[in-house]
Protein backbone atom coordinates (compact mmCIF):
# COMPACT_ATOMS: atom_id res chain seq x y z
CA MET A 1 27.18 -11.06 19.52
CA ASP A 2 24.25 -13.30 18.36
CA PHE A 3 21.77 -10.25 18.84
CA LEU A 4 23.62 -8.14 16.22
CA PRO A 5 21.59 -9.63 13.07
CA ASP A 6 17.99 -8.83 15.38
CA LEU A 7 19.54 -5.25 15.94
CA VAL A 8 20.46 -4.48 12.53
CA SER A 9 17.05 -5.83 11.15
CA MET A 10 15.09 -3.54 13.87
CA LEU A 11 17.38 -0.61 12.51
CA GLN A 12 16.56 -1.24 9.04
CA THR A 13 12.68 -1.41 9.63
CA ALA A 14 12.73 1.90 11.90
CA LEU A 15 14.60 3.52 9.05
CA ALA A 16 12.26 2.26 6.57
CA PHE A 17 9.49 3.48 8.80
CA VAL A 18 10.96 6.72 9.02
CA ILE A 19 11.59 7.35 5.38
CA ALA A 20 8.07 6.13 4.24
CA LEU A 21 6.28 8.48 7.05
CA SER A 22 8.43 11.48 6.36
CA ILE A 23 7.59 11.15 2.70
CA ILE A 24 3.89 11.00 3.29
CA VAL A 25 3.82 13.67 5.91
CA THR A 26 5.66 15.80 3.84
CA VAL A 27 3.50 15.43 0.70
CA HIS A 28 0.55 15.86 3.05
CA GLU A 29 1.68 19.05 4.89
CA TYR A 30 3.09 20.42 1.57
CA GLY A 31 -0.70 20.18 0.17
CA HIS A 32 -1.83 22.33 3.19
CA TYR A 33 1.02 24.60 2.71
CA ILE A 34 0.75 25.06 -0.96
CA VAL A 35 -2.91 25.60 -1.13
CA GLY A 36 -3.04 27.89 1.73
CA ARG A 37 -0.49 29.95 0.11
CA LEU A 38 -2.47 30.18 -3.06
CA CYS A 39 -5.63 31.13 -1.13
CA GLY A 40 -3.54 33.79 0.34
CA ILE A 41 -2.96 32.39 3.72
CA LYS A 42 0.68 32.83 5.26
CA ALA A 43 2.53 29.72 6.61
CA GLU A 44 4.69 30.65 9.51
CA ALA A 45 6.47 27.36 9.66
CA PHE A 46 6.95 24.06 7.82
CA SER A 47 8.10 21.09 10.04
CA ILE A 48 9.03 17.59 9.37
CA GLY A 49 9.08 16.23 12.80
CA PHE A 50 8.39 17.58 15.96
CA GLY A 51 10.45 18.76 19.04
CA PRO A 52 13.76 21.07 18.77
CA LYS A 53 14.72 21.86 15.13
CA LEU A 54 18.08 20.46 13.58
CA ILE A 55 18.15 22.40 10.76
CA SER A 56 16.20 25.42 9.24
CA ARG A 57 15.94 28.23 6.87
CA VAL A 58 13.57 31.14 6.18
CA ASP A 59 12.50 31.56 2.49
CA LYS A 60 11.28 34.83 0.70
CA HIS A 61 7.79 34.40 1.96
CA GLY A 62 8.72 34.45 5.73
CA THR A 63 7.96 30.73 6.18
CA VAL A 64 10.51 28.83 8.45
CA TRP A 65 11.17 25.37 6.75
CA LYS A 66 12.86 23.02 9.50
CA ILE A 67 13.54 19.51 10.22
CA SER A 68 12.97 18.60 13.93
CA LEU A 69 14.17 15.92 16.01
CA PHE A 70 11.22 13.45 16.38
CA PRO A 71 10.61 12.23 12.89
CA LEU A 72 7.32 10.93 13.46
CA GLY A 73 5.06 13.30 11.43
CA GLY A 74 4.99 17.00 10.87
CA TYR A 75 2.81 20.08 10.40
CA VAL A 76 2.16 23.55 8.98
CA LYS A 77 1.74 26.25 11.29
CA PHE A 78 -0.09 29.12 9.71
CA LEU A 79 -0.72 33.00 11.21
CA GLY A 80 -2.97 33.05 13.81
CA ASP A 81 -2.63 29.39 14.91
CA ALA A 82 -2.42 28.86 18.40
CA ASN A 83 -0.51 25.47 17.62
CA ALA A 84 0.70 23.19 15.12
CA THR A 85 -2.74 21.29 14.93
CA SER A 86 -4.58 24.66 14.09
CA ALA A 87 -7.06 23.67 16.52
CA GLY A 88 -7.06 26.97 18.47
CA VAL A 89 -6.70 30.56 17.84
CA ASP A 90 -3.75 32.74 18.93
CA GLU A 91 -5.93 35.59 20.26
CA GLU A 92 -2.66 37.77 20.97
CA THR A 93 -1.49 37.66 17.41
CA MET A 94 -5.02 38.04 15.91
CA ALA A 95 -5.69 41.17 18.07
CA ARG A 96 -2.66 43.03 16.72
CA LEU A 97 -3.31 42.35 13.13
CA ASN A 98 -4.94 44.84 10.99
CA ALA A 99 -7.92 43.83 8.57
CA GLU A 100 -5.68 43.21 5.65
CA GLU A 101 -3.03 41.20 7.84
CA ARG A 102 -6.17 39.16 9.40
CA ARG A 103 -7.21 38.24 5.59
CA HIS A 104 -3.85 36.21 5.51
CA SER A 105 -4.26 34.43 8.59
CA MET A 106 -5.73 30.72 8.84
CA HIS A 107 -8.62 32.30 11.10
CA GLY A 108 -9.42 35.55 9.13
CA ALA A 109 -9.43 34.26 5.71
CA PRO A 110 -12.62 33.53 3.88
CA LEU A 111 -14.61 30.00 4.93
CA TRP A 112 -13.74 28.55 1.31
CA ALA A 113 -9.93 29.48 1.59
CA ARG A 114 -9.80 27.51 5.10
CA ALA A 115 -11.72 24.72 3.75
CA ALA A 116 -9.48 24.26 0.85
CA THR A 117 -6.44 24.37 2.90
CA VAL A 118 -7.44 21.74 5.28
CA ALA A 119 -8.94 19.44 2.55
CA ALA A 120 -5.66 19.96 0.63
CA GLY A 121 -3.49 17.59 2.56
CA PRO A 122 -5.48 14.36 2.32
CA VAL A 123 -6.10 15.32 -1.30
CA PHE A 124 -2.25 15.48 -2.13
CA ASN A 125 -1.97 12.16 -0.37
CA PHE A 126 -4.46 10.63 -2.88
CA ILE A 127 -2.43 12.54 -5.47
CA LEU A 128 0.79 10.48 -4.64
CA SER A 129 -0.74 7.35 -4.68
CA ILE A 130 -2.76 7.84 -8.01
CA LEU A 131 0.88 9.05 -9.24
CA VAL A 132 2.99 6.18 -8.02
CA PHE A 133 0.19 3.65 -9.23
CA ALA A 134 0.05 5.09 -12.60
CA GLY A 135 3.91 5.24 -12.91
CA ALA A 136 4.05 1.61 -11.91
CA MET A 137 1.17 0.77 -14.40
CA ALA A 138 3.34 3.01 -17.21
CA TRP A 139 6.29 1.01 -16.49
CA GLU A 140 5.01 -2.32 -16.57
CA GLY A 141 2.88 -1.73 -19.66
CA LYS A 142 0.19 -4.03 -20.43
CA PRO A 143 0.15 -7.46 -22.29
CA ALA A 144 0.65 -7.01 -26.25
CA VAL A 145 -2.09 -8.49 -28.64
CA PRO A 146 -1.68 -11.06 -30.15
CA PRO A 147 -0.37 -13.08 -27.03
CA GLN A 148 3.34 -13.56 -27.17
CA VAL A 149 6.02 -14.89 -24.72
CA ALA A 150 8.63 -12.65 -23.64
CA ASP A 151 10.49 -14.45 -20.92
CA LEU A 152 10.15 -17.92 -19.04
CA VAL A 153 10.20 -18.09 -15.21
CA ALA A 154 12.65 -20.70 -13.46
CA LEU A 155 10.92 -24.04 -12.79
CA PRO A 156 12.70 -27.06 -11.39
CA GLY A 157 11.58 -29.45 -14.65
CA GLY A 158 11.82 -26.56 -16.97
CA SER A 159 9.30 -24.94 -19.26
CA GLY A 160 9.03 -27.60 -21.69
CA ASP A 161 9.49 -26.80 -25.56
CA LEU A 162 8.11 -23.24 -25.29
CA ARG A 163 10.79 -20.01 -25.86
CA PRO A 164 10.64 -16.46 -25.65
CA GLY A 165 9.16 -14.99 -28.71
CA ASP A 166 6.56 -17.73 -29.55
CA ARG A 167 3.53 -16.64 -30.32
CA LEU A 168 0.56 -18.32 -28.74
CA LEU A 169 -2.45 -19.58 -30.61
CA ALA A 170 -3.81 -22.11 -28.30
CA ILE A 171 -3.28 -23.75 -24.85
CA GLU A 172 -5.17 -27.07 -24.02
CA GLY A 173 -7.34 -26.59 -27.26
CA VAL A 174 -8.56 -23.05 -26.25
CA ALA A 175 -7.71 -20.60 -28.91
CA LEU A 176 -6.18 -17.40 -27.84
CA PRO A 177 -7.02 -14.37 -30.00
CA ASP A 178 -6.07 -12.24 -26.83
CA TYR A 179 -5.44 -12.84 -23.15
CA ASP A 180 -9.21 -12.83 -22.00
CA ARG A 181 -9.44 -16.57 -23.06
CA LEU A 182 -6.91 -17.55 -20.58
CA ARG A 183 -9.64 -18.08 -17.71
CA GLU A 184 -11.06 -20.58 -20.23
CA VAL A 185 -8.19 -22.72 -20.30
CA PRO A 186 -8.27 -25.81 -18.41
CA THR A 187 -5.03 -26.83 -16.28
CA PRO A 188 -5.20 -30.62 -15.38
CA GLU A 189 -2.79 -31.57 -12.71
CA LYS A 190 0.34 -32.58 -14.62
CA PRO A 191 3.62 -30.74 -15.11
CA PHE A 192 3.07 -29.48 -18.41
CA LEU A 193 0.23 -28.23 -20.95
CA SER A 194 -0.16 -28.50 -24.33
CA TYR A 195 0.64 -25.34 -26.40
CA ARG A 196 -0.14 -24.35 -30.09
CA VAL A 197 2.50 -21.78 -31.03
CA LEU A 198 3.81 -20.12 -34.16
CA ARG A 199 7.36 -19.86 -34.21
CA ASP A 200 9.27 -18.71 -37.01
CA GLY A 201 6.54 -18.98 -39.44
CA THR A 202 5.67 -22.83 -38.38
CA ASP A 203 2.64 -23.39 -36.49
CA MET A 204 3.60 -26.39 -34.21
CA VAL A 205 2.28 -27.98 -30.90
CA ILE A 206 4.70 -28.19 -27.93
CA ASP A 207 4.60 -28.80 -24.23
CA GLY A 208 4.59 -25.52 -22.14
CA PRO A 209 4.49 -24.58 -18.27
CA GLN A 210 1.25 -24.52 -16.12
CA LEU A 211 0.00 -21.15 -16.57
CA ALA A 212 -0.08 -20.71 -12.74
CA PRO A 213 2.89 -23.05 -11.14
CA PRO A 214 3.23 -23.35 -7.59
CA ARG A 215 5.78 -20.72 -7.62
CA ALA A 216 6.10 -17.60 -5.04
CA ALA A 217 5.89 -14.69 -7.42
CA GLN A 218 5.67 -12.51 -4.09
CA VAL A 219 5.88 -13.42 -0.49
CA LEU A 220 3.82 -11.10 1.60
CA PRO A 221 5.28 -9.68 4.87
CA GLN A 222 4.61 -10.91 8.19
CA SER A 223 3.06 -14.02 6.97
CA ALA A 224 3.72 -17.67 7.71
CA ALA A 225 5.69 -17.98 4.43
CA ASP A 226 7.90 -15.12 5.18
CA ALA A 227 8.46 -16.17 8.82
CA ALA A 228 9.58 -19.65 7.30
CA GLY A 229 12.05 -18.06 5.06
CA ILE A 230 10.52 -18.69 1.89
CA ARG A 231 11.63 -16.38 -0.95
CA ALA A 232 10.02 -14.81 -3.99
CA GLY A 233 11.12 -17.24 -6.87
CA ASP A 234 10.82 -20.25 -4.76
CA VAL A 235 8.75 -23.09 -6.32
CA ILE A 236 6.77 -25.62 -4.15
CA THR A 237 7.40 -29.01 -5.17
CA ALA A 238 5.44 -30.95 -2.73
CA ILE A 239 3.17 -30.68 0.31
CA ASP A 240 3.75 -33.06 3.16
CA GLY A 241 5.22 -35.38 0.46
CA GLN A 242 2.63 -35.10 -2.17
CA PRO A 243 3.60 -33.30 -5.66
CA ILE A 244 2.04 -30.57 -6.81
CA TRP A 245 2.01 -28.83 -10.27
CA ARG A 246 -0.31 -25.84 -10.01
CA PHE A 247 -0.55 -22.97 -7.36
CA ASP A 248 -4.41 -23.81 -7.12
CA ASP A 249 -3.20 -27.24 -5.48
CA LEU A 250 -1.34 -25.32 -3.15
CA VAL A 251 -4.16 -23.17 -2.35
CA ALA A 252 -6.46 -26.47 -1.74
CA LYS A 253 -4.18 -28.10 0.41
CA VAL A 254 -3.43 -25.00 2.55
CA GLY A 255 -6.98 -24.59 2.91
CA ALA A 256 -7.97 -28.28 3.63
CA GLY A 257 -5.37 -28.32 6.44
CA LYS A 258 -7.42 -26.01 8.46
CA GLY A 259 -4.43 -24.67 10.25
CA ALA A 260 -2.38 -27.86 10.65
CA PRO A 261 1.15 -27.45 10.37
CA LEU A 262 2.66 -28.18 6.64
CA THR A 263 5.70 -29.27 5.36
CA LEU A 264 6.70 -27.86 2.07
CA ASP A 265 9.21 -29.04 -0.35
CA LEU A 266 11.13 -26.09 -2.26
CA TRP A 267 13.01 -25.71 -5.30
CA ARG A 268 15.02 -22.48 -5.17
CA PRO A 269 16.53 -21.19 -8.31
CA ALA A 270 20.23 -20.27 -8.43
CA GLU A 271 21.86 -17.25 -10.09
CA GLY A 272 22.42 -17.50 -13.70
CA ASP A 273 22.26 -20.95 -15.33
CA ARG A 274 23.71 -22.95 -12.23
CA GLY A 275 20.48 -24.81 -11.53
CA GLY A 276 18.94 -24.78 -8.19
CA SER A 277 18.61 -26.00 -4.70
CA THR A 278 16.22 -28.03 -2.88
CA LEU A 279 15.04 -27.43 0.87
CA SER A 280 11.92 -28.22 2.94
CA VAL A 281 10.40 -25.86 5.31
CA THR A 282 7.61 -26.57 8.08
CA LEU A 283 4.88 -23.58 8.70
CA THR A 284 1.69 -23.23 9.99
CA PRO A 285 -1.12 -21.22 8.15
CA LYS A 286 -2.79 -18.19 9.53
CA ILE A 287 -6.69 -17.34 9.34
CA VAL A 288 -6.61 -14.46 7.29
CA ASP A 289 -9.79 -12.51 6.16
CA MET A 290 -9.77 -11.83 2.33
CA PRO A 291 -11.97 -9.25 0.51
CA ARG A 292 -14.19 -10.11 -2.21
CA PRO A 293 -15.30 -8.10 -5.22
CA ASP A 294 -18.50 -7.55 -3.59
CA GLY A 295 -17.07 -5.74 -0.71
CA SER A 296 -17.73 -8.96 1.78
CA PHE A 297 -15.00 -10.78 3.09
CA VAL A 298 -14.10 -14.42 3.39
CA SER A 299 -11.93 -15.88 6.14
CA ASP A 300 -9.77 -18.86 5.10
CA PHE A 301 -6.19 -20.36 6.04
CA LYS A 302 -3.36 -18.68 4.08
CA ILE A 303 0.61 -18.83 4.02
CA GLY A 304 1.29 -15.64 2.35
CA LEU A 305 2.31 -16.29 -1.05
CA ILE A 306 1.01 -14.70 -4.20
CA ALA A 307 0.96 -16.70 -7.46
CA GLY A 308 2.69 -15.89 -10.90
CA ALA A 309 2.43 -16.94 -14.38
CA GLY A 310 4.68 -19.59 -15.97
CA PHE A 311 6.04 -17.12 -18.44
CA SER A 312 5.76 -13.35 -18.99
CA PRO A 313 4.21 -11.83 -22.01
CA VAL A 314 5.27 -9.27 -24.39
CA THR A 315 4.16 -5.94 -23.32
CA GLU A 316 3.21 -2.62 -24.94
CA GLY A 317 3.13 0.95 -23.52
CA ILE A 318 0.13 2.56 -22.25
CA GLY A 319 -0.68 6.30 -22.70
CA PRO A 320 -0.51 8.82 -19.69
CA VAL A 321 -4.20 9.17 -19.52
CA GLU A 322 -4.95 5.43 -19.32
CA ALA A 323 -1.77 5.29 -16.59
CA LEU A 324 -3.80 8.01 -14.47
CA VAL A 325 -7.15 6.40 -15.00
CA GLY A 326 -5.75 3.07 -13.66
CA GLY A 327 -3.95 4.70 -10.77
CA ALA A 328 -7.10 6.49 -9.78
CA LYS A 329 -9.09 3.32 -10.11
CA GLN A 330 -6.25 1.42 -7.71
CA THR A 331 -6.48 4.19 -5.22
CA TRP A 332 -10.32 4.31 -5.06
CA GLY A 333 -10.19 0.42 -4.57
CA ALA A 334 -7.85 0.83 -1.73
CA ILE A 335 -10.10 3.30 -0.26
CA THR A 336 -13.37 1.24 -0.64
CA ALA A 337 -11.74 -1.89 0.78
CA SER A 338 -10.87 0.17 3.81
CA VAL A 339 -14.21 1.49 4.27
CA SER A 340 -15.42 -2.09 3.81
CA ALA A 341 -12.84 -3.48 6.16
CA ILE A 342 -13.59 -0.92 9.14
CA GLU A 343 -17.49 -1.74 8.55
CA HIS A 344 -16.88 -5.33 9.21
CA ILE A 345 -14.49 -4.98 11.85
CA VAL A 346 -17.59 -2.69 13.86
CA LEU A 347 -19.86 -5.32 13.09
CA GLY A 348 -17.83 -7.90 14.29
CA LYS A 349 -17.75 -9.86 10.94
CA ILE A 350 -14.01 -10.19 10.78
CA SER A 351 -11.04 -9.92 13.45
CA SER A 352 -10.05 -6.74 14.82
CA CYS A 353 -6.84 -7.78 14.23
CA ASN A 354 -6.89 -6.40 10.90
CA LEU A 355 -6.28 -3.03 12.41
CA ARG A 356 -2.62 -2.69 12.93
CA GLY A 357 -0.70 -0.07 14.75
CA ALA A 358 2.45 1.66 14.75
CA ILE A 359 4.51 -1.32 14.90
CA GLY A 360 2.60 -3.14 12.15
CA ILE A 361 3.06 -0.38 9.90
CA ALA A 362 6.75 -0.09 10.82
CA GLU A 363 7.46 -3.90 10.27
CA GLY A 364 5.28 -3.73 6.67
CA SER A 365 7.50 -0.92 5.91
CA GLY A 366 10.83 -2.93 6.59
CA ALA A 367 9.49 -5.66 4.79
CA ALA A 368 8.64 -3.75 1.89
CA ALA A 369 11.94 -2.16 1.77
CA LYS A 370 13.97 -5.49 2.38
CA ALA A 371 11.76 -6.76 -1.08
CA GLY A 372 13.20 -4.15 -2.83
CA ALA A 373 12.63 -0.40 -4.24
CA ALA A 374 9.44 -1.20 -6.41
CA ASP A 375 7.83 -2.90 -3.42
CA PHE A 376 8.72 -0.17 -0.96
CA ILE A 377 7.46 2.53 -3.58
CA TRP A 378 4.41 0.74 -3.79
CA PHE A 379 3.92 0.22 0.02
CA ILE A 380 4.37 4.21 0.46
CA ALA A 381 1.39 4.54 -2.12
CA MET A 382 -0.84 2.50 -0.22
CA LEU A 383 0.07 3.93 3.13
CA SER A 384 -0.32 7.70 1.75
CA THR A 385 -3.84 6.47 0.58
CA ALA A 386 -4.55 5.20 4.09
CA VAL A 387 -3.12 8.34 5.60
CA GLY A 388 -5.37 10.37 3.56
CA PHE A 389 -8.42 8.50 3.89
CA LEU A 390 -7.84 8.46 7.88
CA ASN A 391 -7.58 12.33 8.02
CA LEU A 392 -10.61 12.70 6.45
CA PHE A 393 -12.51 11.09 9.33
CA PRO A 394 -14.63 13.87 10.79
CA ILE A 395 -12.75 13.37 14.20
CA PRO A 396 -11.56 16.82 15.64
CA VAL A 397 -7.78 17.32 15.63
CA LEU A 398 -8.10 15.56 12.02
CA ASP A 399 -8.58 17.34 8.73
CA GLY A 400 -12.00 15.88 8.57
CA GLY A 401 -12.76 17.20 12.05
CA HIS A 402 -11.75 20.92 10.89
CA LEU A 403 -13.96 20.19 7.82
CA MET A 404 -16.78 19.50 10.03
CA PHE A 405 -16.26 22.65 11.74
CA HIS A 406 -16.36 24.72 8.34
CA LEU A 407 -19.51 22.69 7.34
CA TRP A 408 -20.94 23.97 10.50
CA GLU A 409 -19.82 27.48 9.74
CA GLY A 410 -21.08 27.38 6.27
CA VAL A 411 -24.70 26.31 7.48
CA THR A 412 -25.23 28.50 10.53
CA GLY A 413 -23.09 31.37 9.66
CA LYS A 414 -20.72 31.47 12.60
CA PRO A 415 -18.13 29.14 13.75
CA PRO A 416 -18.77 26.80 17.02
CA SER A 417 -18.59 28.63 20.27
CA ASP A 418 -14.85 28.17 22.09
CA ARG A 419 -16.07 26.21 24.56
CA VAL A 420 -17.73 23.39 21.97
CA MET A 421 -14.44 23.81 20.10
CA SER A 422 -12.38 22.94 23.12
CA LEU A 423 -14.72 20.00 23.98
CA MET A 424 -14.69 18.54 20.58
CA VAL A 425 -10.97 18.95 20.41
CA SER A 426 -10.30 17.20 23.51
CA VAL A 427 -13.08 14.23 22.62
CA GLY A 428 -11.33 14.03 19.05
CA LEU A 429 -7.85 13.59 20.67
CA ALA A 430 -9.00 11.13 23.23
CA LEU A 431 -10.31 8.98 19.90
CA VAL A 432 -7.21 9.17 18.07
CA LEU A 433 -5.23 8.28 21.16
CA SER A 434 -7.38 5.27 21.91
CA LEU A 435 -7.48 4.37 18.22
CA MET A 436 -3.82 4.38 18.26
CA ALA A 437 -3.68 2.33 21.54
CA PHE A 438 -5.91 -0.08 19.98
CA GLY A 439 -3.73 -0.47 16.95
CA LEU A 440 -0.31 -0.97 19.24
CA TRP A 441 -2.28 -3.33 21.18
CA ASN A 442 -3.33 -5.54 18.44
CA ASP A 443 0.54 -5.47 17.03
CA LEU A 444 1.41 -6.85 20.45
CA VAL A 445 -1.25 -9.51 21.03
CA CYS A 446 -2.55 -10.59 17.21
């Protein structure tokens, strides 16, 4: 029965992948459906999944809404479509429609209506991402000014004399009128820093935690740390027997090891106030291509830990406009990073292993779901951005390919011939299948 834990883990991963994909596909296809309906185009069917239908109902507009057996996608079939991809024309159906009815078909509607309907799928994916990112920002808020301590993280040596409610006046002699000055604070290699705080009206100097202790605020899925069993909240106290007090020390030692196995001594906090436990793990860092702010990449050895602060600040709410702007910036940043990554892969500047397939996405879904609801929702938003972006590629059978045909029609005044359309669709399908196969190959060998 030793296989049962692995089987349960695989089922959880598969379920998380299906849930994530179903949400993203539903939003994408609903974008096509609702904009098409607003543009006067009749939808005959809206399906989540492919194959035999499991459940269905017909709404007042005559659209069949259904959930199908294979939950790996979905589609909207509009009046006049030959198939679910809208890649062909049902000539028999179109022949029996009168002029008014043809106006309500996908292939008889004005060019602007068809283009808007096609573009709506990716746009709705981006809208989902923006709303999720904006919601996360609104929920978390932003650090209040003047800086004040809200809570302390659990550390093996404690947090010195720093307490929740302390107002931060200076750290290591650097005045803190706001959080922008934190980057100027020196962080010497020692367990505690010198804090000047205002507590209950009294100005005092005390010991406090490192700004970024060697603590795992987050463990990236499919990383060396994840494989070694490191959890969020674990504190690395030593590497190969050498004590460390800063996250920067961890980064430096991992990089200097050039991929050699490392032994990490960990302190793991217990629930409540019952102290913690110590353990050691051995892991091998992986080479990772990390994006830079200028769009380039740097390759370095990483173990997959995200740093966190030694304390959490008091926060204040942000308005909906600010949150939406932040969500839009986050989405745009994900798109530009994807463009840069694809460019660097094509030019051979970074490994093609950065392009993952269905297995990698499924594993990421499972890991995000295991980390908690917040991480899983964030993962869905990132994946929704990727799906929207991918669908805009000018490849026939994708939305970008349809928009390319519409652009051709707008310029020439007529759509491509049936022969050209059929050839382009075949080429597009071959490209998409090749890309899927390449991603799957990377999942298996990288």
